[in-house]
Amino acid sequence: MSKLKELQDRSGSVCELCGITKDLSTYDLPESPNVGLDSSILVCSTCKGQIEDVSTIDANHWRCLNDSMWSQVSGVQVMAWRMLTRLRSEGWPQDLLDMLYLDDDTLAWAKATGEGDDENATIKHIDSNGTALQVGDNVVLIKDLNVKGANFTAKRGTAVRNISLVYDNPEHIEGKVNGQHIVILTKFVKKS
């Protein structure tokens, strides 16, 4: 039996990424530690073209990964992780990446091409002194801040404990002040 026929049987003759039934072909995942069927997926010409040429990527086409990322096929999981990583600047793919669980071996395979290693693409939250902020850090306000919608002023010197980072905006963090959950600009805090 040919590889294409085996992939068609496994997938039910649909693209394993988007579910389209036309123009299907085999795609061999780069840097695969496996041989045979586990290292290949069945994809449509649209998916294959966008995987191979990043300049043609249509982010809305890849919303299909919301379903296919849950596949039991490790090759489909790896390709979903790689495409979501490429698209994470769109916002919604980061939410899916946060939900996607890959075992250690599958994640190592997904990262083997260097996808997601671009240090410049990583959003860094920096306080007013240039210190990197992390989830769970404690910060101190360096300026009185009027909190819109809550009708109070957060005073300079107020400690904000156990902050969280706004993943798609390096200038925003979140924390509680006076029992209110608020968004704070990083330029108005210093790490304590």
N, C-alpha and C. Protein backbone atom coordinates (compact mmCIF):
# COMPACT_ATOMS: atom_id res chain seq x y z
N MET A 1 0.85 -1.18 0.00
CA MET A 1 0.00 0.00 0.00
C MET A 1 0.90 1.24 0.00
N SER A 2 0.55 2.23 -0.80
CA SER A 2 1.36 3.45 -0.90
C SER A 2 1.16 4.33 0.33
N LYS A 3 2.15 5.21 0.57
CA LYS A 3 2.06 6.13 1.71
C LYS A 3 0.82 7.02 1.59
N LEU A 4 0.54 7.52 0.37
CA LEU A 4 -0.62 8.38 0.15
C LEU A 4 -1.90 7.64 0.52
N LYS A 5 -2.03 6.39 0.10
CA LYS A 5 -3.23 5.60 0.40
C LYS A 5 -3.36 5.38 1.91
N GLU A 6 -2.24 5.10 2.60
CA GLU A 6 -2.28 4.90 4.04
C GLU A 6 -2.70 6.19 4.76
N LEU A 7 -2.19 7.34 4.29
CA LEU A 7 -2.56 8.62 4.89
C LEU A 7 -4.03 8.94 4.64
N GLN A 8 -4.52 8.59 3.44
CA GLN A 8 -5.94 8.80 3.14
C GLN A 8 -6.81 7.94 4.05
N ASP A 9 -6.39 6.71 4.29
CA ASP A 9 -7.14 5.83 5.19
C ASP A 9 -7.13 6.39 6.61
N ARG A 10 -5.96 6.87 7.08
CA ARG A 10 -5.84 7.40 8.44
C ARG A 10 -6.72 8.65 8.64
N SER A 11 -6.74 9.52 7.61
CA SER A 11 -7.42 10.81 7.76
C SER A 11 -8.86 10.80 7.27
N GLY A 12 -9.27 9.75 6.61
CA GLY A 12 -10.61 9.74 6.01
C GLY A 12 -10.65 10.57 4.74
N SER A 13 -9.52 10.71 4.07
CA SER A 13 -9.38 11.46 2.81
C SER A 13 -9.73 12.94 2.95
N VAL A 14 -9.32 13.54 4.08
CA VAL A 14 -9.46 14.98 4.28
C VAL A 14 -8.11 15.53 4.74
N CYS A 15 -7.89 16.81 4.48
CA CYS A 15 -6.68 17.47 4.95
C CYS A 15 -6.65 17.36 6.47
N GLU A 16 -5.54 16.88 7.00
CA GLU A 16 -5.46 16.66 8.44
C GLU A 16 -5.33 17.98 9.22
N LEU A 17 -5.14 19.08 8.51
CA LEU A 17 -5.05 20.38 9.18
C LEU A 17 -6.35 21.17 9.07
N CYS A 18 -6.91 21.27 7.85
CA CYS A 18 -8.08 22.13 7.68
C CYS A 18 -9.37 21.40 7.32
N GLY A 19 -9.29 20.12 6.96
CA GLY A 19 -10.49 19.35 6.69
C GLY A 19 -10.99 19.40 5.26
N ILE A 20 -10.28 20.10 4.37
CA ILE A 20 -10.69 20.17 2.96
C ILE A 20 -10.46 18.81 2.30
N THR A 21 -11.29 18.46 1.30
CA THR A 21 -11.20 17.14 0.67
C THR A 21 -10.57 17.16 -0.72
N LYS A 22 -10.21 18.34 -1.24
CA LYS A 22 -9.68 18.44 -2.61
C LYS A 22 -8.18 18.71 -2.60
N ASP A 23 -7.50 18.32 -3.69
CA ASP A 23 -6.08 18.59 -3.90
C ASP A 23 -5.21 18.13 -2.74
N LEU A 24 -5.37 16.88 -2.33
CA LEU A 24 -4.62 16.36 -1.19
C LEU A 24 -3.31 15.73 -1.63
N SER A 25 -2.29 15.92 -0.81
CA SER A 25 -0.99 15.30 -1.07
C SER A 25 -0.28 15.05 0.25
N THR A 26 0.81 14.31 0.16
CA THR A 26 1.61 13.99 1.34
C THR A 26 2.55 15.14 1.66
N TYR A 27 2.68 15.46 2.93
CA TYR A 27 3.67 16.43 3.38
C TYR A 27 4.54 15.76 4.43
N ASP A 28 5.84 15.68 4.15
CA ASP A 28 6.79 15.09 5.10
C ASP A 28 7.32 16.19 6.00
N LEU A 29 7.11 16.05 7.30
CA LEU A 29 7.53 17.07 8.26
C LEU A 29 9.05 17.09 8.39
N PRO A 30 9.66 18.28 8.28
CA PRO A 30 11.11 18.39 8.44
C PRO A 30 11.54 18.03 9.86
N GLU A 31 12.75 17.53 9.98
CA GLU A 31 13.37 17.22 11.27
C GLU A 31 12.60 16.17 12.07
N SER A 32 11.95 15.26 11.36
CA SER A 32 11.17 14.24 12.05
C SER A 32 12.08 13.15 12.61
N PRO A 33 11.90 12.79 13.89
CA PRO A 33 12.67 11.69 14.46
C PRO A 33 12.09 10.34 14.06
N ASN A 34 10.91 10.36 13.45
CA ASN A 34 10.21 9.14 13.07
C ASN A 34 10.41 8.85 11.59
N VAL A 35 10.11 7.64 11.22
CA VAL A 35 10.09 7.27 9.80
C VAL A 35 8.70 6.70 9.51
N GLY A 36 8.36 6.70 8.24
CA GLY A 36 7.07 6.14 7.87
C GLY A 36 5.93 7.11 8.06
N LEU A 37 4.76 6.55 8.39
CA LEU A 37 3.54 7.32 8.47
C LEU A 37 3.55 8.41 9.54
N ASP A 38 4.23 8.18 10.65
CA ASP A 38 4.23 9.16 11.73
C ASP A 38 4.94 10.46 11.35
N SER A 39 5.79 10.42 10.33
CA SER A 39 6.54 11.62 9.95
C SER A 39 5.86 12.39 8.82
N SER A 40 4.68 11.96 8.41
CA SER A 40 3.97 12.59 7.29
C SER A 40 2.53 12.88 7.66
N ILE A 41 1.97 13.89 6.98
CA ILE A 41 0.55 14.19 7.14
C ILE A 41 -0.05 14.40 5.76
N LEU A 42 -1.36 14.29 5.67
CA LEU A 42 -2.08 14.53 4.43
C LEU A 42 -2.61 15.96 4.47
N VAL A 43 -2.21 16.77 3.49
CA VAL A 43 -2.60 18.19 3.48
C VAL A 43 -3.14 18.59 2.12
N CYS A 44 -3.94 19.66 2.11
CA CYS A 44 -4.45 20.22 0.86
C CYS A 44 -3.40 21.14 0.27
N SER A 45 -3.61 21.57 -0.96
CA SER A 45 -2.63 22.43 -1.63
C SER A 45 -2.53 23.80 -0.95
N THR A 46 -3.63 24.29 -0.38
CA THR A 46 -3.61 25.59 0.31
C THR A 46 -2.71 25.52 1.54
N CYS A 47 -2.91 24.51 2.37
CA CYS A 47 -2.09 24.36 3.57
C CYS A 47 -0.62 24.16 3.20
N LYS A 48 -0.38 23.27 2.25
CA LYS A 48 1.01 22.96 1.86
C LYS A 48 1.70 24.21 1.32
N GLY A 49 1.01 24.97 0.49
CA GLY A 49 1.61 26.18 -0.07
C GLY A 49 1.97 27.20 0.99
N GLN A 50 1.10 27.36 1.99
CA GLN A 50 1.36 28.33 3.05
C GLN A 50 2.40 27.84 4.05
N ILE A 51 2.50 26.54 4.23
CA ILE A 51 3.53 25.98 5.10
C ILE A 51 4.91 26.21 4.47
N GLU A 52 4.99 25.99 3.17
CA GLU A 52 6.28 26.08 2.48
C GLU A 52 6.69 27.50 2.13
N ASP A 53 5.74 28.42 1.98
CA ASP A 53 6.04 29.80 1.63
C ASP A 53 5.34 30.74 2.61
N VAL A 54 6.08 31.17 3.64
CA VAL A 54 5.47 31.97 4.70
C VAL A 54 4.92 33.31 4.20
N SER A 55 5.39 33.78 3.06
CA SER A 55 4.90 35.06 2.54
C SER A 55 3.45 34.96 2.05
N THR A 56 2.93 33.74 1.86
CA THR A 56 1.57 33.56 1.37
C THR A 56 0.58 33.23 2.49
N ILE A 57 1.02 33.27 3.73
CA ILE A 57 0.16 32.85 4.85
C ILE A 57 -1.04 33.78 5.00
N ASP A 58 -2.22 33.15 5.08
CA ASP A 58 -3.47 33.83 5.39
C ASP A 58 -3.87 33.36 6.79
N ALA A 59 -3.70 34.23 7.77
CA ALA A 59 -3.93 33.85 9.17
C ALA A 59 -5.32 33.28 9.41
N ASN A 60 -6.33 33.80 8.73
CA ASN A 60 -7.69 33.32 8.94
C ASN A 60 -7.87 31.87 8.49
N HIS A 61 -7.12 31.45 7.47
CA HIS A 61 -7.19 30.05 7.03
C HIS A 61 -6.80 29.12 8.17
N TRP A 62 -5.87 29.55 8.99
CA TRP A 62 -5.31 28.68 10.03
C TRP A 62 -6.15 28.62 11.30
N ARG A 63 -7.29 29.28 11.31
CA ARG A 63 -8.20 29.14 12.45
C ARG A 63 -8.70 27.69 12.57
N CYS A 64 -8.52 26.93 11.50
CA CYS A 64 -8.88 25.51 11.51
C CYS A 64 -8.06 24.73 12.54
N LEU A 65 -6.92 25.26 12.94
CA LEU A 65 -6.06 24.57 13.90
C LEU A 65 -6.73 24.44 15.27
N ASN A 66 -7.75 25.25 15.50
CA ASN A 66 -8.52 25.14 16.74
C ASN A 66 -9.08 23.73 16.91
N ASP A 67 -9.36 23.07 15.80
CA ASP A 67 -9.86 21.69 15.84
C ASP A 67 -8.75 20.68 15.64
N SER A 68 -7.92 20.90 14.63
CA SER A 68 -6.92 19.87 14.28
C SER A 68 -5.80 19.73 15.30
N MET A 69 -5.57 20.74 16.14
CA MET A 69 -4.49 20.62 17.12
C MET A 69 -4.76 19.52 18.14
N TRP A 70 -6.02 19.07 18.23
CA TRP A 70 -6.38 18.02 19.19
C TRP A 70 -6.23 16.62 18.58
N SER A 71 -5.72 16.53 17.37
CA SER A 71 -5.53 15.24 16.72
C SER A 71 -4.65 14.32 17.57
N GLN A 72 -4.86 13.03 17.46
CA GLN A 72 -4.02 12.05 18.15
C GLN A 72 -2.74 11.75 17.35
N VAL A 73 -2.67 12.26 16.10
CA VAL A 73 -1.51 12.03 15.24
C VAL A 73 -0.42 13.04 15.61
N SER A 74 0.73 12.55 16.02
CA SER A 74 1.79 13.45 16.49
C SER A 74 2.27 14.40 15.39
N GLY A 75 2.29 13.96 14.14
CA GLY A 75 2.69 14.84 13.04
C GLY A 75 1.74 16.02 12.87
N VAL A 76 0.46 15.80 13.07
CA VAL A 76 -0.54 16.87 12.99
C VAL A 76 -0.35 17.83 14.16
N GLN A 77 -0.10 17.29 15.35
CA GLN A 77 0.15 18.13 16.52
C GLN A 77 1.37 19.02 16.31
N VAL A 78 2.44 18.44 15.76
CA VAL A 78 3.68 19.20 15.51
C VAL A 78 3.43 20.31 14.50
N MET A 79 2.73 20.01 13.40
CA MET A 79 2.49 21.03 12.39
C MET A 79 1.56 22.11 12.93
N ALA A 80 0.59 21.75 13.75
CA ALA A 80 -0.30 22.73 14.37
C ALA A 80 0.52 23.65 15.27
N TRP A 81 1.42 23.09 16.08
CA TRP A 81 2.26 23.89 16.97
C TRP A 81 3.14 24.85 16.16
N ARG A 82 3.73 24.34 15.08
CA ARG A 82 4.61 25.19 14.26
C ARG A 82 3.84 26.34 13.61
N MET A 83 2.66 26.06 13.08
CA MET A 83 1.89 27.13 12.43
C MET A 83 1.37 28.13 13.46
N LEU A 84 0.91 27.67 14.59
CA LEU A 84 0.45 28.58 15.64
C LEU A 84 1.60 29.46 16.13
N THR A 85 2.78 28.89 16.21
CA THR A 85 3.96 29.65 16.64
C THR A 85 4.30 30.72 15.61
N ARG A 86 4.20 30.38 14.33
CA ARG A 86 4.46 31.38 13.28
C ARG A 86 3.47 32.53 13.34
N LEU A 87 2.25 32.22 13.72
CA LEU A 87 1.16 33.20 13.68
C LEU A 87 0.88 33.87 15.01
N ARG A 88 1.65 33.59 16.05
CA ARG A 88 1.28 34.04 17.39
C ARG A 88 1.16 35.55 17.54
N SER A 89 1.77 36.32 16.64
CA SER A 89 1.64 37.78 16.73
C SER A 89 0.22 38.24 16.42
N GLU A 90 -0.60 37.36 15.84
CA GLU A 90 -2.00 37.69 15.55
C GLU A 90 -2.85 37.76 16.82
N GLY A 91 -2.38 37.18 17.89
CA GLY A 91 -3.12 37.21 19.15
C GLY A 91 -3.84 35.91 19.43
N TRP A 92 -4.82 35.55 18.63
CA TRP A 92 -5.60 34.33 18.87
C TRP A 92 -4.75 33.05 18.84
N PRO A 93 -3.69 32.94 18.00
CA PRO A 93 -2.90 31.70 18.04
C PRO A 93 -2.21 31.48 19.39
N GLN A 94 -1.86 32.56 20.08
CA GLN A 94 -1.22 32.41 21.39
C GLN A 94 -2.18 31.74 22.38
N ASP A 95 -3.47 32.06 22.29
CA ASP A 95 -4.45 31.42 23.16
C ASP A 95 -4.49 29.91 22.90
N LEU A 96 -4.45 29.53 21.63
CA LEU A 96 -4.45 28.10 21.29
C LEU A 96 -3.17 27.43 21.74
N LEU A 97 -2.03 28.11 21.57
CA LEU A 97 -0.76 27.55 22.03
C LEU A 97 -0.77 27.32 23.53
N ASP A 98 -1.40 28.23 24.26
CA ASP A 98 -1.48 28.08 25.71
C ASP A 98 -2.29 26.85 26.10
N MET A 99 -3.26 26.45 25.27
CA MET A 99 -4.09 25.27 25.55
C MET A 99 -3.45 23.97 25.06
N LEU A 100 -2.61 24.06 24.04
CA LEU A 100 -2.06 22.88 23.40
C LEU A 100 -1.02 22.21 24.29
N TYR A 101 -1.22 20.93 24.56
CA TYR A 101 -0.24 20.17 25.34
C TYR A 101 0.44 19.17 24.42
N LEU A 102 1.76 19.21 24.39
CA LEU A 102 2.54 18.22 23.67
C LEU A 102 3.47 17.54 24.66
N ASP A 103 3.59 16.20 24.56
CA ASP A 103 4.54 15.53 25.45
C ASP A 103 5.95 15.99 25.09
N ASP A 104 6.92 15.70 25.93
CA ASP A 104 8.28 16.24 25.77
C ASP A 104 8.91 15.88 24.43
N ASP A 105 8.74 14.62 23.99
CA ASP A 105 9.33 14.20 22.71
C ASP A 105 8.69 14.92 21.53
N THR A 106 7.38 15.06 21.56
CA THR A 106 6.66 15.73 20.47
C THR A 106 7.02 17.21 20.44
N LEU A 107 7.12 17.85 21.60
CA LEU A 107 7.51 19.26 21.66
C LEU A 107 8.93 19.45 21.15
N ALA A 108 9.83 18.55 21.49
CA ALA A 108 11.21 18.64 20.99
C ALA A 108 11.22 18.52 19.46
N TRP A 109 10.38 17.64 18.91
CA TRP A 109 10.27 17.50 17.47
C TRP A 109 9.72 18.79 16.86
N ALA A 110 8.70 19.36 17.49
CA ALA A 110 8.10 20.60 16.97
C ALA A 110 9.12 21.73 16.94
N LYS A 111 9.98 21.79 17.95
CA LYS A 111 10.98 22.87 18.04
C LYS A 111 12.25 22.58 17.24
N ALA A 112 12.38 21.39 16.68
CA ALA A 112 13.62 20.98 16.00
C ALA A 112 13.98 21.85 14.80
N THR A 113 13.00 22.50 14.19
CA THR A 113 13.29 23.35 13.03
C THR A 113 13.70 24.76 13.45
N GLY A 114 13.67 25.03 14.76
CA GLY A 114 14.00 26.37 15.24
C GLY A 114 12.79 27.28 15.31
N GLU A 115 11.63 26.73 15.00
CA GLU A 115 10.39 27.50 15.08
C GLU A 115 10.17 27.95 16.52
N GLY A 116 9.91 29.22 16.71
CA GLY A 116 9.66 29.74 18.04
C GLY A 116 10.92 30.18 18.79
N ASP A 117 12.09 30.02 18.17
CA ASP A 117 13.35 30.38 18.84
C ASP A 117 13.75 31.82 18.61
N ASP A 118 13.01 32.55 17.77
CA ASP A 118 13.38 33.92 17.45
C ASP A 118 13.29 34.78 18.69
N GLU A 119 14.42 35.14 19.25
CA GLU A 119 14.48 35.92 20.49
C GLU A 119 13.81 37.28 20.31
N ASN A 120 13.90 37.86 19.12
CA ASN A 120 13.31 39.18 18.88
C ASN A 120 11.79 39.13 18.88
N ALA A 121 11.21 37.97 18.59
CA ALA A 121 9.75 37.85 18.53
C ALA A 121 9.15 37.71 19.93
N THR A 122 9.98 37.39 20.91
CA THR A 122 9.49 37.23 22.26
C THR A 122 9.21 38.60 22.87
N ILE A 123 8.03 38.75 23.41
CA ILE A 123 7.65 40.02 24.03
C ILE A 123 8.27 40.08 25.41
N LYS A 124 8.96 41.18 25.70
CA LYS A 124 9.60 41.37 26.99
C LYS A 124 8.94 42.54 27.69
N HIS A 125 8.58 42.34 28.92
CA HIS A 125 8.00 43.39 29.76
C HIS A 125 9.13 43.98 30.59
N ILE A 126 9.36 45.28 30.45
CA ILE A 126 10.48 45.96 31.10
C ILE A 126 9.92 47.07 31.99
N ASP A 127 10.42 47.16 33.24
CA ASP A 127 9.95 48.22 34.13
C ASP A 127 10.63 49.54 33.81
N SER A 128 10.36 50.56 34.61
CA SER A 128 10.89 51.91 34.35
C SER A 128 12.41 51.97 34.44
N ASN A 129 13.04 51.01 35.11
CA ASN A 129 14.50 50.99 35.23
C ASN A 129 15.17 50.07 34.22
N GLY A 130 14.39 49.46 33.34
CA GLY A 130 14.96 48.55 32.34
C GLY A 130 15.11 47.12 32.82
N THR A 131 14.52 46.79 33.95
CA THR A 131 14.59 45.43 34.50
C THR A 131 13.44 44.60 33.92
N ALA A 132 13.76 43.38 33.52
CA ALA A 132 12.74 42.48 32.95
C ALA A 132 11.76 42.04 34.04
N LEU A 133 10.49 42.05 33.70
CA LEU A 133 9.44 41.61 34.62
C LEU A 133 8.98 40.20 34.25
N GLN A 134 8.64 39.42 35.27
CA GLN A 134 8.16 38.06 35.08
C GLN A 134 6.81 37.91 35.77
N VAL A 135 6.06 36.90 35.39
CA VAL A 135 4.80 36.59 36.05
C VAL A 135 5.08 36.30 37.52
N GLY A 136 4.30 36.89 38.41
CA GLY A 136 4.46 36.66 39.83
C GLY A 136 5.36 37.65 40.54
N ASP A 137 6.02 38.53 39.80
CA ASP A 137 6.89 39.54 40.42
C ASP A 137 6.06 40.52 41.24
N ASN A 138 6.75 41.20 42.15
CA ASN A 138 6.15 42.29 42.91
C ASN A 138 6.74 43.59 42.38
N VAL A 139 5.90 44.60 42.20
CA VAL A 139 6.35 45.90 41.71
C VAL A 139 5.81 47.00 42.61
N VAL A 140 6.40 48.19 42.47
CA VAL A 140 5.98 49.37 43.22
C VAL A 140 5.66 50.46 42.21
N LEU A 141 4.56 51.18 42.43
CA LEU A 141 4.19 52.28 41.54
C LEU A 141 5.16 53.45 41.78
N ILE A 142 5.61 54.09 40.71
CA ILE A 142 6.54 55.21 40.84
C ILE A 142 5.85 56.55 40.62
N LYS A 143 4.53 56.51 40.43
CA LYS A 143 3.77 57.72 40.14
C LYS A 143 2.33 57.51 40.60
N ASP A 144 1.66 58.56 41.05
CA ASP A 144 0.24 58.47 41.34
C ASP A 144 -0.52 58.19 40.04
N LEU A 145 -1.40 57.21 40.05
CA LEU A 145 -2.15 56.84 38.84
C LEU A 145 -3.65 56.92 39.09
N ASN A 146 -4.34 57.68 38.26
CA ASN A 146 -5.80 57.71 38.31
C ASN A 146 -6.32 56.43 37.66
N VAL A 147 -7.09 55.65 38.41
CA VAL A 147 -7.61 54.39 37.89
C VAL A 147 -8.98 54.67 37.29
N LYS A 148 -9.04 54.58 35.97
CA LYS A 148 -10.29 54.88 35.26
C LYS A 148 -11.34 53.83 35.56
N GLY A 149 -12.55 54.28 35.80
CA GLY A 149 -13.66 53.38 36.05
C GLY A 149 -13.77 52.90 37.49
N ALA A 150 -12.73 53.11 38.29
CA ALA A 150 -12.77 52.66 39.68
C ALA A 150 -12.84 53.83 40.66
N ASN A 151 -12.69 55.04 40.15
CA ASN A 151 -12.82 56.27 40.94
C ASN A 151 -11.88 56.32 42.15
N PHE A 152 -10.63 55.94 41.97
CA PHE A 152 -9.63 56.14 43.01
C PHE A 152 -8.28 56.39 42.36
N THR A 153 -7.35 56.88 43.15
CA THR A 153 -5.99 57.11 42.68
C THR A 153 -5.06 56.13 43.38
N ALA A 154 -4.31 55.38 42.59
CA ALA A 154 -3.30 54.48 43.14
C ALA A 154 -2.07 55.34 43.44
N LYS A 155 -1.72 55.41 44.70
CA LYS A 155 -0.66 56.32 45.14
C LYS A 155 0.72 55.77 44.84
N ARG A 156 1.64 56.71 44.60
CA ARG A 156 3.05 56.38 44.40
C ARG A 156 3.54 55.59 45.61
N GLY A 157 4.32 54.53 45.36
CA GLY A 157 4.83 53.70 46.44
C GLY A 157 3.96 52.51 46.77
N THR A 158 2.78 52.43 46.15
CA THR A 158 1.89 51.29 46.40
C THR A 158 2.51 50.02 45.82
N ALA A 159 2.53 48.97 46.61
CA ALA A 159 3.06 47.68 46.16
C ALA A 159 1.97 46.92 45.41
N VAL A 160 2.34 46.35 44.29
CA VAL A 160 1.44 45.49 43.52
C VAL A 160 2.10 44.12 43.50
N ARG A 161 1.48 43.15 44.16
CA ARG A 161 2.07 41.83 44.31
C ARG A 161 1.52 40.83 43.29
N ASN A 162 2.38 39.89 42.94
CA ASN A 162 1.98 38.78 42.08
C ASN A 162 1.36 39.25 40.77
N ILE A 163 2.11 40.06 40.01
CA ILE A 163 1.60 40.60 38.75
C ILE A 163 1.46 39.51 37.70
N SER A 164 0.65 39.79 36.70
CA SER A 164 0.59 38.95 35.50
C SER A 164 0.91 39.85 34.31
N LEU A 165 1.42 39.23 33.25
CA LEU A 165 1.85 39.98 32.08
C LEU A 165 0.77 39.89 30.99
N VAL A 166 0.56 40.97 30.28
CA VAL A 166 -0.33 40.96 29.13
C VAL A 166 0.52 40.45 27.97
N TYR A 167 0.25 39.22 27.52
CA TYR A 167 1.16 38.53 26.61
C TYR A 167 1.36 39.22 25.27
N ASP A 168 0.37 39.97 24.79
CA ASP A 168 0.49 40.58 23.46
C ASP A 168 0.85 42.06 23.50
N ASN A 169 1.12 42.61 24.71
CA ASN A 169 1.49 44.02 24.81
C ASN A 169 2.58 44.18 25.86
N PRO A 170 3.81 44.47 25.43
CA PRO A 170 4.93 44.55 26.39
C PRO A 170 4.85 45.76 27.32
N GLU A 171 3.93 46.68 27.07
CA GLU A 171 3.82 47.87 27.90
C GLU A 171 2.78 47.72 29.01
N HIS A 172 2.08 46.59 29.08
CA HIS A 172 1.01 46.40 30.05
C HIS A 172 1.28 45.22 30.97
N ILE A 173 0.98 45.41 32.26
CA ILE A 173 0.94 44.32 33.22
C ILE A 173 -0.40 44.42 33.95
N GLU A 174 -0.77 43.37 34.66
CA GLU A 174 -2.01 43.39 35.43
C GLU A 174 -1.71 43.06 36.88
N GLY A 175 -2.48 43.66 37.77
CA GLY A 175 -2.31 43.38 39.19
C GLY A 175 -3.46 43.97 39.98
N LYS A 176 -3.47 43.73 41.28
CA LYS A 176 -4.54 44.23 42.15
C LYS A 176 -4.03 45.40 42.98
N VAL A 177 -4.80 46.48 42.97
CA VAL A 177 -4.56 47.65 43.79
C VAL A 177 -5.88 47.98 44.46
N ASN A 178 -5.87 48.10 45.78
CA ASN A 178 -7.09 48.39 46.56
C ASN A 178 -8.20 47.39 46.25
N GLY A 179 -7.84 46.13 46.05
CA GLY A 179 -8.82 45.09 45.76
C GLY A 179 -9.35 45.09 44.34
N GLN A 180 -8.90 46.02 43.51
CA GLN A 180 -9.35 46.11 42.11
C GLN A 180 -8.28 45.52 41.20
N HIS A 181 -8.69 44.69 40.26
CA HIS A 181 -7.79 44.14 39.25
C HIS A 181 -7.65 45.20 38.15
N ILE A 182 -6.44 45.71 37.94
CA ILE A 182 -6.24 46.80 36.97
C ILE A 182 -5.09 46.49 36.03
N VAL A 183 -5.07 47.19 34.91
CA VAL A 183 -3.96 47.14 33.96
C VAL A 183 -3.08 48.35 34.23
N ILE A 184 -1.77 48.11 34.29
CA ILE A 184 -0.82 49.18 34.62
C ILE A 184 0.24 49.24 33.52
N LEU A 185 0.62 50.45 33.14
CA LEU A 185 1.70 50.61 32.18
C LEU A 185 3.03 50.31 32.86
N THR A 186 3.89 49.54 32.19
CA THR A 186 5.18 49.16 32.78
C THR A 186 6.08 50.34 33.06
N LYS A 187 5.90 51.44 32.35
CA LYS A 187 6.76 52.61 32.56
C LYS A 187 6.47 53.30 33.90
N PHE A 188 5.38 52.91 34.57
CA PHE A 188 5.03 53.53 35.85
C PHE A 188 5.30 52.60 37.04
N VAL A 189 6.07 51.52 36.83
CA VAL A 189 6.38 50.62 37.93
C VAL A 189 7.88 50.32 37.96
N LYS A 190 8.34 49.89 39.14
CA LYS A 190 9.70 49.36 39.25
C LYS A 190 9.61 48.06 40.03
N LYS A 191 10.44 47.11 39.63
CA LYS A 191 10.46 45.81 40.29
C LYS A 191 10.99 45.96 41.70
N SER A 192 10.35 45.27 42.66
CA SER A 192 10.82 45.38 44.05
C SER A 192 11.51 44.10 44.49
